[in-house]
Protein backbone atom coordinates (compact mmCIF):
# COMPACT_ATOMS: atom_id res chain seq x y z
CA MET A 1 64.67 65.67 99.40
CA SER A 2 68.03 67.33 98.90
CA LYS A 3 68.81 71.03 99.29
CA GLN A 4 70.54 72.83 96.43
CA PHE A 5 72.88 75.82 96.52
CA ASP A 6 75.37 77.53 94.26
CA ILE A 7 78.07 77.22 96.94
CA LEU A 8 78.40 75.12 100.08
CA VAL A 9 81.07 76.07 102.58
CA ILE A 10 82.15 73.26 104.90
CA GLY A 11 83.21 74.86 108.18
CA GLY A 12 82.21 78.12 109.84
CA GLY A 13 85.58 79.35 111.10
CA PRO A 14 87.30 82.55 109.90
CA GLY A 15 88.00 81.21 106.41
CA GLY A 16 84.59 79.62 106.05
CA TYR A 17 82.24 82.26 107.36
CA ILE A 18 84.09 85.04 105.51
CA ALA A 19 84.03 83.03 102.25
CA ALA A 20 80.29 82.46 102.71
CA ILE A 21 79.52 86.13 103.37
CA ARG A 22 81.64 87.40 100.48
CA ALA A 23 80.14 84.85 98.07
CA ALA A 24 76.63 85.88 99.14
CA GLN A 25 77.52 89.55 98.59
CA LEU A 26 78.52 88.61 95.04
CA GLY A 27 75.08 87.17 94.33
CA PHE A 28 75.53 83.46 94.97
CA ASN A 29 73.02 81.28 96.83
CA VAL A 30 75.26 80.15 99.69
CA ALA A 31 75.06 77.68 102.57
CA CYS A 32 77.58 77.05 105.32
CA CYS A 33 77.55 73.90 107.42
CA GLU A 34 79.07 73.75 110.89
CA SER A 35 79.24 70.85 113.33
CA ASN A 36 78.46 71.07 117.03
CA ALA A 37 82.14 71.18 118.03
CA TYR A 38 81.45 74.46 119.85
CA ALA A 39 77.73 74.13 120.45
CA ASP A 40 75.87 76.72 122.49
CA PRO A 41 73.65 75.72 125.46
CA LYS A 42 70.75 75.11 123.02
CA GLY A 43 72.82 72.61 121.05
CA GLU A 44 73.13 74.89 118.03
CA PRO A 45 76.54 75.31 116.34
CA ARG A 46 78.62 78.30 117.30
CA LEU A 47 80.29 79.87 114.31
CA GLY A 48 83.80 81.28 114.35
CA GLY A 49 85.73 78.02 114.62
CA THR A 50 88.79 77.72 116.83
CA CYS A 51 89.59 81.43 116.49
CA LEU A 52 86.46 82.87 118.06
CA ASN A 53 85.59 79.99 120.37
CA VAL A 54 88.84 78.64 121.80
CA GLY A 55 91.65 80.58 120.16
CA CYS A 56 92.39 84.14 119.09
CA ILE A 57 89.50 85.96 120.74
CA PRO A 58 89.26 84.31 124.18
CA SER A 59 93.04 84.23 124.58
CA LYS A 60 93.27 87.97 123.90
CA ALA A 61 90.57 88.63 126.48
CA LEU A 62 92.59 86.73 129.11
CA LEU A 63 95.82 88.39 128.00
CA HIS A 64 94.25 91.81 128.47
CA THR A 65 92.88 90.99 131.93
CA SER A 66 96.16 89.48 133.10
CA HIS A 67 98.09 92.45 131.70
CA LEU A 68 95.94 94.88 133.70
CA PHE A 69 96.38 92.71 136.78
CA GLU A 70 100.15 92.79 136.47
CA GLU A 71 100.17 96.51 135.70
CA SER A 72 98.07 97.28 138.77
CA GLY A 73 100.41 95.28 140.99
CA HIS A 74 103.70 96.55 139.61
CA SER A 75 103.50 99.57 137.32
CA PHE A 76 100.70 101.71 138.72
CA ALA A 77 102.77 102.81 141.73
CA ASP A 78 105.46 104.20 139.41
CA GLN A 79 102.84 106.57 138.01
CA GLY A 80 101.57 107.64 141.41
CA ILE A 81 98.50 105.38 141.36
CA CYS A 82 97.97 103.56 144.66
CA VAL A 83 95.53 100.63 144.52
CA GLY A 84 96.91 98.25 147.11
CA THR A 85 97.51 94.56 146.46
CA PRO A 86 95.32 93.36 143.57
CA ALA A 87 93.37 90.11 143.71
CA ILE A 88 92.08 88.08 140.78
CA ASP A 89 88.60 86.58 140.58
CA VAL A 90 89.32 83.77 138.10
CA ALA A 91 85.67 82.79 137.66
CA ARG A 92 84.70 86.35 136.82
CA MET A 93 87.64 86.67 134.41
CA ILE A 94 86.61 83.46 132.62
CA GLY A 95 82.99 84.63 132.58
CA ARG A 96 83.97 87.90 130.91
CA LYS A 97 85.94 85.97 128.31
CA ASP A 98 82.96 83.68 127.65
CA GLY A 99 80.68 86.70 127.25
CA ILE A 100 82.91 88.16 124.55
CA VAL A 101 82.93 84.82 122.72
CA LYS A 102 79.14 84.58 122.87
CA GLN A 103 78.72 88.14 121.57
CA LEU A 104 81.00 87.63 118.59
CA THR A 105 79.81 84.14 117.62
CA SER A 106 76.20 85.31 117.80
CA GLY A 107 77.21 88.29 115.68
CA ILE A 108 78.30 86.00 112.85
CA LYS A 109 74.86 84.40 112.81
CA GLY A 110 73.47 87.91 112.47
CA LEU A 111 75.81 88.54 109.54
CA PHE A 112 74.63 85.31 107.91
CA LYS A 113 71.04 86.44 108.24
CA LYS A 114 71.87 89.89 106.88
CA ASN A 115 73.65 88.43 103.85
CA LYS A 116 71.14 85.59 103.33
CA VAL A 117 73.61 82.78 104.02
CA THR A 118 71.88 79.54 105.01
CA LEU A 119 73.36 77.93 108.13
CA LEU A 120 73.21 74.13 108.20
CA ASN A 121 73.76 72.20 111.42
CA GLY A 122 76.03 69.23 110.94
CA HIS A 123 79.41 67.94 109.81
CA GLY A 124 79.93 68.01 106.05
CA ALA A 125 81.22 64.90 104.25
CA PHE A 126 81.65 64.20 100.54
CA VAL A 127 79.23 61.75 98.92
CA GLY A 128 80.17 62.27 95.26
CA ARG A 129 78.99 63.92 92.04
CA LYS A 130 75.36 63.83 90.99
CA ASP A 131 76.57 63.14 87.46
CA SER A 132 79.96 62.86 85.79
CA ALA A 133 79.70 66.09 83.80
CA GLU A 134 81.96 69.00 84.73
CA SER A 135 78.87 71.06 85.43
CA GLY A 136 77.42 68.42 87.72
CA LEU A 137 76.48 69.07 91.33
CA TRP A 138 78.57 67.95 94.27
CA GLN A 139 76.66 65.99 96.89
CA ILE A 140 77.59 66.53 100.53
CA ARG A 141 76.07 64.78 103.52
CA VAL A 142 75.37 67.30 106.31
CA GLY A 143 74.03 65.41 109.29
CA ASP A 144 70.97 63.61 107.96
CA THR A 145 70.55 65.97 105.00
CA LEU A 146 71.88 65.56 101.47
CA VAL A 147 73.07 68.92 100.16
CA GLU A 148 73.91 69.63 96.52
CA ALA A 149 76.07 72.50 95.32
CA ARG A 150 77.99 73.47 92.20
CA GLN A 151 80.97 74.72 94.16
CA ILE A 152 82.40 73.51 97.48
CA ILE A 153 84.76 75.43 99.77
CA VAL A 154 86.42 73.27 102.42
CA ALA A 155 87.33 75.35 105.48
CA THR A 156 87.50 72.78 108.26
CA GLY A 157 90.47 74.35 110.05
CA SER A 158 92.89 72.58 112.36
CA LYS A 159 93.07 70.94 115.76
CA ALA A 160 95.70 70.75 118.47
CA ARG A 161 98.46 68.19 118.12
CA HIS A 162 98.73 66.06 121.25
CA LEU A 163 101.71 64.25 122.71
CA PRO A 164 101.55 60.50 121.99
CA GLY A 165 100.57 58.59 125.10
CA VAL A 166 99.64 61.73 127.04
CA PRO A 167 95.84 62.01 127.26
CA VAL A 168 94.39 65.52 127.32
CA ASP A 169 91.55 65.89 129.83
CA ASN A 170 91.63 69.72 129.84
CA GLU A 171 91.82 69.65 133.61
CA ILE A 172 95.30 68.42 134.56
CA VAL A 173 96.66 68.18 130.99
CA CYS A 174 95.33 70.89 128.69
CA ASP A 175 95.54 71.88 125.05
CA ASN A 176 94.52 75.35 123.84
CA ILE A 177 90.93 74.71 124.95
CA GLY A 178 91.64 73.79 128.56
CA ALA A 179 94.33 76.47 128.88
CA LEU A 180 91.57 79.09 128.54
CA ASP A 181 89.37 77.62 131.27
CA LEU A 182 91.52 76.84 134.30
CA ASN A 183 89.34 77.28 137.38
CA ALA A 184 92.18 78.64 139.51
CA VAL A 185 95.70 79.98 139.14
CA PRO A 186 98.03 76.97 139.43
CA LYS A 187 100.98 77.32 141.73
CA ARG A 188 103.23 75.58 139.18
CA LEU A 189 102.40 75.46 135.48
CA ALA A 190 104.35 73.49 132.89
CA VAL A 191 104.05 74.28 129.18
CA ILE A 192 105.42 72.05 126.43
CA GLY A 193 106.07 74.16 123.35
CA ALA A 194 107.41 77.72 123.18
CA GLY A 195 105.37 78.76 120.16
CA VAL A 196 102.61 81.35 119.99
CA ILE A 197 100.08 79.49 122.14
CA GLY A 198 102.65 78.37 124.70
CA LEU A 199 104.05 81.87 125.14
CA GLU A 200 100.66 83.56 125.29
CA MET A 201 99.04 81.12 127.71
CA GLY A 202 102.20 80.92 129.77
CA SER A 203 102.17 84.72 129.99
CA VAL A 204 98.53 84.83 131.12
CA TRP A 205 98.99 82.51 134.07
CA ARG A 206 102.44 83.81 135.01
CA ARG A 207 101.05 87.33 135.33
CA LEU A 208 98.32 86.00 137.58
CA GLY A 209 100.84 84.36 139.91
CA ALA A 210 101.78 80.95 138.53
CA GLU A 211 105.38 79.74 138.42
CA VAL A 212 105.66 78.93 134.71
CA THR A 213 108.25 76.74 132.99
CA ILE A 214 108.16 76.28 129.22
CA LEU A 215 109.93 73.30 127.65
CA GLU A 216 110.88 73.60 123.97
CA ALA A 217 112.36 70.87 121.79
CA LEU A 218 113.96 73.21 119.25
CA PRO A 219 117.49 74.34 120.13
CA GLU A 220 116.80 78.00 119.41
CA PHE A 221 114.09 80.15 120.97
CA LEU A 222 111.59 81.66 118.51
CA SER A 223 113.68 80.65 115.51
CA VAL A 224 110.81 81.70 113.21
CA THR A 225 111.35 85.35 114.15
CA ASP A 226 114.19 87.71 113.28
CA ILE A 227 117.26 86.82 115.35
CA ASP A 228 117.39 90.22 117.05
CA VAL A 229 113.73 89.94 118.04
CA ALA A 230 114.24 86.45 119.45
CA LYS A 231 117.22 87.60 121.55
CA GLU A 232 115.33 90.61 122.88
CA ALA A 233 112.23 88.54 123.67
CA ALA A 234 114.26 85.90 125.53
CA LYS A 235 115.92 88.60 127.64
CA ILE A 236 112.63 90.33 128.48
CA PHE A 237 110.69 87.13 129.23
CA ALA A 238 113.47 85.89 131.53
CA LYS A 239 113.37 89.19 133.42
CA GLN A 240 109.59 88.79 133.78
CA GLY A 241 110.08 85.37 135.37
CA LEU A 242 108.99 83.20 132.46
CA LYS A 243 111.39 80.24 132.53
CA ILE A 244 112.08 78.87 129.04
CA ILE A 245 114.27 75.79 128.51
CA THR A 246 115.17 74.95 124.89
CA GLY A 247 116.77 71.94 123.22
CA ILE A 248 115.02 69.36 125.40
CA GLU A 249 113.55 65.93 124.67
CA ILE A 250 110.37 64.89 126.47
CA GLY A 251 110.42 61.49 128.19
CA ASP A 252 107.77 59.99 130.45
CA VAL A 253 104.84 62.15 131.51
CA LYS A 254 103.13 60.87 134.65
CA ILE A 255 99.68 62.21 135.53
CA SER A 256 97.85 62.03 138.84
CA GLN A 257 94.93 63.79 140.47
CA LYS A 258 97.41 66.15 142.13
CA GLY A 259 99.32 67.13 139.03
CA VAL A 260 101.87 66.03 136.50
CA SER A 261 105.52 64.97 136.47
CA ILE A 262 107.56 65.38 133.28
CA ASP A 263 110.84 63.61 132.64
CA TYR A 264 113.01 65.25 130.01
CA THR A 265 116.54 65.24 128.69
CA GLY A 266 118.33 68.58 128.77
CA ARG A 267 120.42 70.10 126.01
CA ASP A 268 123.56 68.74 127.70
CA GLY A 269 122.16 65.21 127.86
CA SER A 270 121.33 65.34 131.57
CA GLU A 271 118.15 63.71 132.86
CA GLN A 272 115.74 66.23 134.39
CA LYS A 273 112.30 66.22 136.00
CA LEU A 274 109.67 68.94 136.18
CA ASP A 275 106.74 68.69 138.60
CA ALA A 276 103.69 70.89 138.07
CA ASP A 277 100.08 71.25 139.08
CA ARG A 278 98.92 71.70 135.48
CA LEU A 279 100.38 71.06 132.04
CA ILE A 280 99.59 72.88 128.79
CA VAL A 281 100.60 71.02 125.62
CA SER A 282 101.14 73.43 122.72
CA ILE A 283 103.24 71.57 120.15
CA GLY A 284 101.47 72.78 117.04
CA ARG A 285 98.29 72.06 115.14
CA ILE A 286 97.26 69.58 112.44
CA PRO A 287 94.78 70.04 109.58
CA ASN A 288 91.28 68.84 110.35
CA THR A 289 90.25 66.52 107.52
CA ASP A 290 88.63 63.86 109.70
CA GLY A 291 85.18 62.84 108.49
CA LEU A 292 85.40 64.65 105.14
CA ASP A 293 85.56 61.31 103.27
CA ALA A 294 88.19 62.90 101.03
CA ASP A 295 89.35 59.48 99.81
CA LYS A 296 85.85 58.64 98.62
CA VAL A 297 86.01 61.34 95.94
CA GLY A 298 89.77 61.39 95.35
CA LEU A 299 90.49 64.70 97.06
CA LYS A 300 94.29 64.90 97.23
CA LEU A 301 96.05 65.45 100.53
CA THR A 302 99.72 66.29 101.08
CA GLU A 303 102.13 64.20 103.15
CA ARG A 304 101.34 66.49 106.09
CA GLY A 305 97.62 65.78 105.79
CA GLN A 306 96.73 69.15 104.29
CA ILE A 307 94.45 69.49 101.28
CA GLU A 308 96.56 70.04 98.18
CA VAL A 309 95.73 73.33 96.44
CA ASP A 310 97.21 75.68 93.86
CA ALA A 311 98.05 79.36 94.42
CA GLN A 312 94.34 80.25 94.16
CA CYS A 313 93.19 77.51 96.55
CA ARG A 314 91.79 75.16 93.88
CA THR A 315 92.00 71.47 94.75
CA ASN A 316 92.49 68.68 92.23
CA LEU A 317 88.69 68.29 91.95
CA PRO A 318 86.69 70.62 89.68
CA GLY A 319 84.55 73.02 91.67
CA VAL A 320 86.20 72.13 95.00
CA TRP A 321 88.33 74.69 96.83
CA ALA A 322 90.01 74.73 100.25
CA VAL A 323 91.15 77.60 102.48
CA GLY A 324 92.69 78.32 105.88
CA ASP A 325 94.43 75.96 108.27
CA VAL A 326 93.46 72.90 106.23
CA VAL A 327 95.83 73.98 103.41
CA ALA A 328 99.52 74.90 103.36
CA GLY A 329 100.76 78.19 104.79
CA PRO A 330 100.65 79.85 108.19
CA MET A 331 97.77 78.76 110.40
CA LEU A 332 96.49 82.28 110.96
CA ALA A 333 92.87 83.46 111.03
CA HIS A 334 93.54 86.52 108.89
CA LYS A 335 95.29 84.40 106.24
CA ALA A 336 92.22 82.14 106.14
CA MET A 337 89.92 85.15 105.77
CA GLU A 338 91.90 86.55 102.84
CA GLU A 339 91.87 83.17 101.11
CA GLY A 340 88.10 82.93 101.64
CA VAL A 341 87.56 86.32 100.01
CA MET A 342 89.93 85.42 97.16
CA VAL A 343 88.08 82.20 96.34
CA ALA A 344 84.65 83.84 96.41
CA GLU A 345 85.80 86.62 94.09
CA ILE A 346 87.47 84.21 91.65
CA MET A 347 84.21 82.23 91.51
CA ALA A 348 82.49 85.47 90.51
CA GLY A 349 84.99 86.09 87.72
CA GLN A 350 86.90 88.74 89.63
CA SER A 351 90.64 88.95 90.29
CA GLY A 352 90.79 87.50 93.78
CA HIS A 353 94.09 88.08 95.52
CA CYS A 354 95.96 86.80 98.58
CA ASN A 355 99.65 87.64 98.90
CA HIS A 356 101.16 85.18 101.35
CA GLU A 357 104.41 87.16 101.33
CA THR A 358 102.72 90.03 103.19
CA VAL A 359 100.72 88.08 105.76
CA PRO A 360 101.63 89.54 109.18
CA TRP A 361 102.44 87.42 112.22
CA VAL A 362 101.74 88.48 115.81
CA ILE A 363 102.49 87.05 119.25
CA TYR A 364 100.40 88.85 121.88
CA THR A 365 102.84 88.67 124.76
CA SER A 366 104.03 91.74 126.62
CA PRO A 367 105.76 93.26 124.81
CA GLU A 368 103.96 92.20 121.66
CA ILE A 369 105.94 90.69 118.79
CA ALA A 370 104.93 91.24 115.16
CA TRP A 371 106.59 90.84 111.80
CA VAL A 372 106.04 90.68 108.06
CA GLY A 373 108.36 89.64 105.26
CA LYS A 374 111.87 88.24 105.48
CA THR A 375 114.06 87.94 108.56
CA GLU A 376 117.73 88.94 108.54
CA GLN A 377 118.82 85.31 108.72
CA GLN A 378 116.61 84.43 105.73
CA LEU A 379 118.13 87.22 103.64
CA LYS A 380 121.63 86.08 104.55
CA ALA A 381 120.81 82.47 103.65
CA GLU A 382 119.37 83.60 100.30
CA GLY A 383 122.39 85.78 99.55
CA VAL A 384 120.29 88.95 99.28
CA ALA A 385 122.16 92.22 99.78
CA TYR A 386 120.24 94.28 102.32
CA LYS A 387 120.48 97.22 104.70
CA ALA A 388 118.87 97.50 108.12
CA GLY A 389 117.44 100.25 110.26
CA LYS A 390 116.81 99.52 113.94
CA ILE A 391 115.40 102.00 116.46
CA PRO A 392 114.52 101.30 120.13
CA PHE A 393 111.23 102.39 121.67
CA ALA A 394 113.30 103.85 124.50
CA ALA A 395 114.02 106.79 122.18
CA ASN A 396 110.31 107.49 121.70
CA GLY A 397 108.43 110.02 123.83
CA ARG A 398 105.08 108.23 123.60
CA ALA A 399 106.58 104.90 124.72
CA LEU A 400 108.25 106.61 127.68
CA GLY A 401 105.00 108.36 128.59
CA MET A 402 103.20 105.02 128.52
CA GLY A 403 105.85 103.54 130.79
CA ASP A 404 106.55 100.82 128.20
CA PRO A 405 109.81 101.63 126.37
CA SER A 406 111.03 98.06 125.81
CA GLY A 407 111.81 96.64 122.38
CA PHE A 408 112.48 98.11 118.95
CA VAL A 409 111.45 98.37 115.31
CA LYS A 410 113.77 96.80 112.74
CA MET A 411 113.35 97.41 109.02
CA LEU A 412 115.15 95.50 106.28
CA ALA A 413 115.44 96.91 102.76
CA CYS A 414 117.13 95.88 99.52
CA ALA A 415 120.63 97.35 99.33
CA THR A 416 120.22 98.32 95.67
CA THR A 417 116.52 99.18 95.20
CA ASP A 418 115.65 100.23 98.79
CA ARG A 419 112.47 98.17 98.55
CA ILE A 420 111.27 97.04 101.99
CA LEU A 421 111.89 93.31 102.49
CA GLY A 422 110.81 92.89 106.09
CA VAL A 423 109.60 94.73 109.18
CA HIS A 424 110.10 93.29 112.67
CA ILE A 425 108.69 94.81 115.85
CA ILE A 426 108.90 93.90 119.51
CA GLY A 427 107.22 96.46 121.71
CA ALA A 428 103.96 98.04 122.82
CA ASN A 429 101.14 97.80 120.26
CA ALA A 430 103.31 95.91 117.77
CA SER A 431 100.17 94.13 116.54
CA GLU A 432 98.78 97.48 115.35
CA LEU A 433 102.04 99.01 114.14
CA ILE A 434 102.87 96.09 111.84
CA SER A 435 100.03 97.07 109.49
CA GLU A 436 102.12 100.02 108.32
CA GLY A 437 104.79 97.60 107.18
CA VAL A 438 102.20 95.32 105.54
CA VAL A 439 100.68 98.17 103.52
CA ALA A 440 104.10 99.44 102.49
CA MET A 441 105.27 96.01 101.32
CA GLU A 442 102.00 95.23 99.54
CA PHE A 443 102.47 98.35 97.43
CA GLY A 444 106.18 97.71 96.86
CA ALA A 445 107.28 100.74 98.87
CA ALA A 446 110.89 101.67 99.51
CA ALA A 447 112.22 102.53 102.94
CA GLU A 448 112.55 106.11 101.67
CA ASP A 449 108.80 106.19 100.98
CA LEU A 450 108.04 105.57 104.66
CA ALA A 451 110.84 107.94 105.66
CA ARG A 452 109.17 110.75 103.69
CA ILE A 453 105.70 110.24 105.18
CA CYS A 454 104.77 112.59 108.03
CA HIS A 455 103.94 110.60 111.17
CA ALA A 456 101.89 112.12 113.99
CA HIS A 457 103.80 113.20 117.09
CA PRO A 458 103.95 111.85 119.69
CA THR A 459 103.04 108.32 118.57
CA LEU A 460 104.63 104.90 118.62
CA SER A 461 104.45 104.92 114.82
CA GLU A 462 107.33 107.41 114.83
CA VAL A 463 109.62 104.50 115.65
CA VAL A 464 108.63 102.88 112.34
CA HIS A 465 109.43 106.22 110.67
CA GLU A 466 112.81 106.40 112.37
CA ALA A 467 113.62 102.80 111.40
CA ALA A 468 112.94 103.72 107.76
CA LEU A 469 115.26 106.72 108.11
CA ALA A 470 117.86 104.50 109.76
CA CYS A 471 117.96 102.29 106.65
CA ASP A 472 119.63 105.30 105.04
CA LYS A 473 121.69 106.01 108.19
CA ARG A 474 119.86 109.24 108.91
CA PRO A 475 117.61 108.78 111.96
CA LEU A 476 116.65 112.05 113.63
CA HIS A 477 115.94 110.98 117.22
CA PHE A 478 118.51 108.25 117.80
């Protein structure tokens, strides 16, 4: 006998579980199915997808631990704190990380229970329509159960892209999953890909003592960020000892029980070799549509394998929606969440909203990097007349007191209207500070609006204030 619901969400990651909870709050009878990709010791599915299980949350736990480790060994003495030579207990660090994951994934199950969302154990795959009418029910196979629902939200996320011919065992060669669970600090660590995951995981193990080399195929470092931020980041990371080589082409990768050997061609055409104890492959992610049986029902995919949707995440099939990493746009958990809320509210007849132009980006290195809106190079390419305000954290009393004055805030505004077009931050707590720029841009604020808002003193947020003032060439502390 089949189970019937108003809405079935396929996938329990950030986009999926948020869509399910919001839809249930709006009065729908909702189910969410999740496979055993991240099963707990009892064999039950762990909700939260890549983000909570093997992505955002565990990586931030390791980043925090490794940051404290490096601080205790290098910066504490400058503040008169004497702790001796620190030592890292890797097993205990990994155990702490796992405990945080368990707490949060279990918490989502509690939220499902609170909001009366039915959790189904199994991978969801399309079977078809119960009848041909527009109001007909969709039939989805979840494990051995046939589930029927009037509306379907596909939120199956993404998976790591692997190098062809280089098997990932998550011991010697790791993707994002294995990078979080190394059982010891490698003496030499190679990373292929200088994106978010490569930089964050490279930073974790470098701080703990590994000699880290990152190989990047693109000719420019962090080309997705504002050019000034990329230059500053490259300078700081090099000073920290993070070796980053850009413009390379990967050749043969030889794996043994002792480690890995990577042949690559340098920017100048020279043949090079990199030997390491461990390798992390972080060359991007691909949408996870495997096993959906999308072709069986005619669900359209793009050339990149993403599910084709409109601006409100509707697919080409009536009553079928898709959100998160499986559709176009940045593969960010918070973007997926906003899309999930939007879809649920549109289903309820409300004005769901997700502005992709104000989705913030963050790289949790030290210093952190965060941005929203257009970069300076984008504005130049588009022929947009703009003005810029740029203020270093070195001019800020709070940053100096924290012993972390590196980086800056850069604000870009329209030369004629003063409307904020982009905010770019590299520095302490950039991940928190960027929200001020997001709120301002979402409400169409001008740089003058931020310049006229009183900011608490002393705080790091004053640098955002000064950057807004600098757009009008009137900073007060620089």
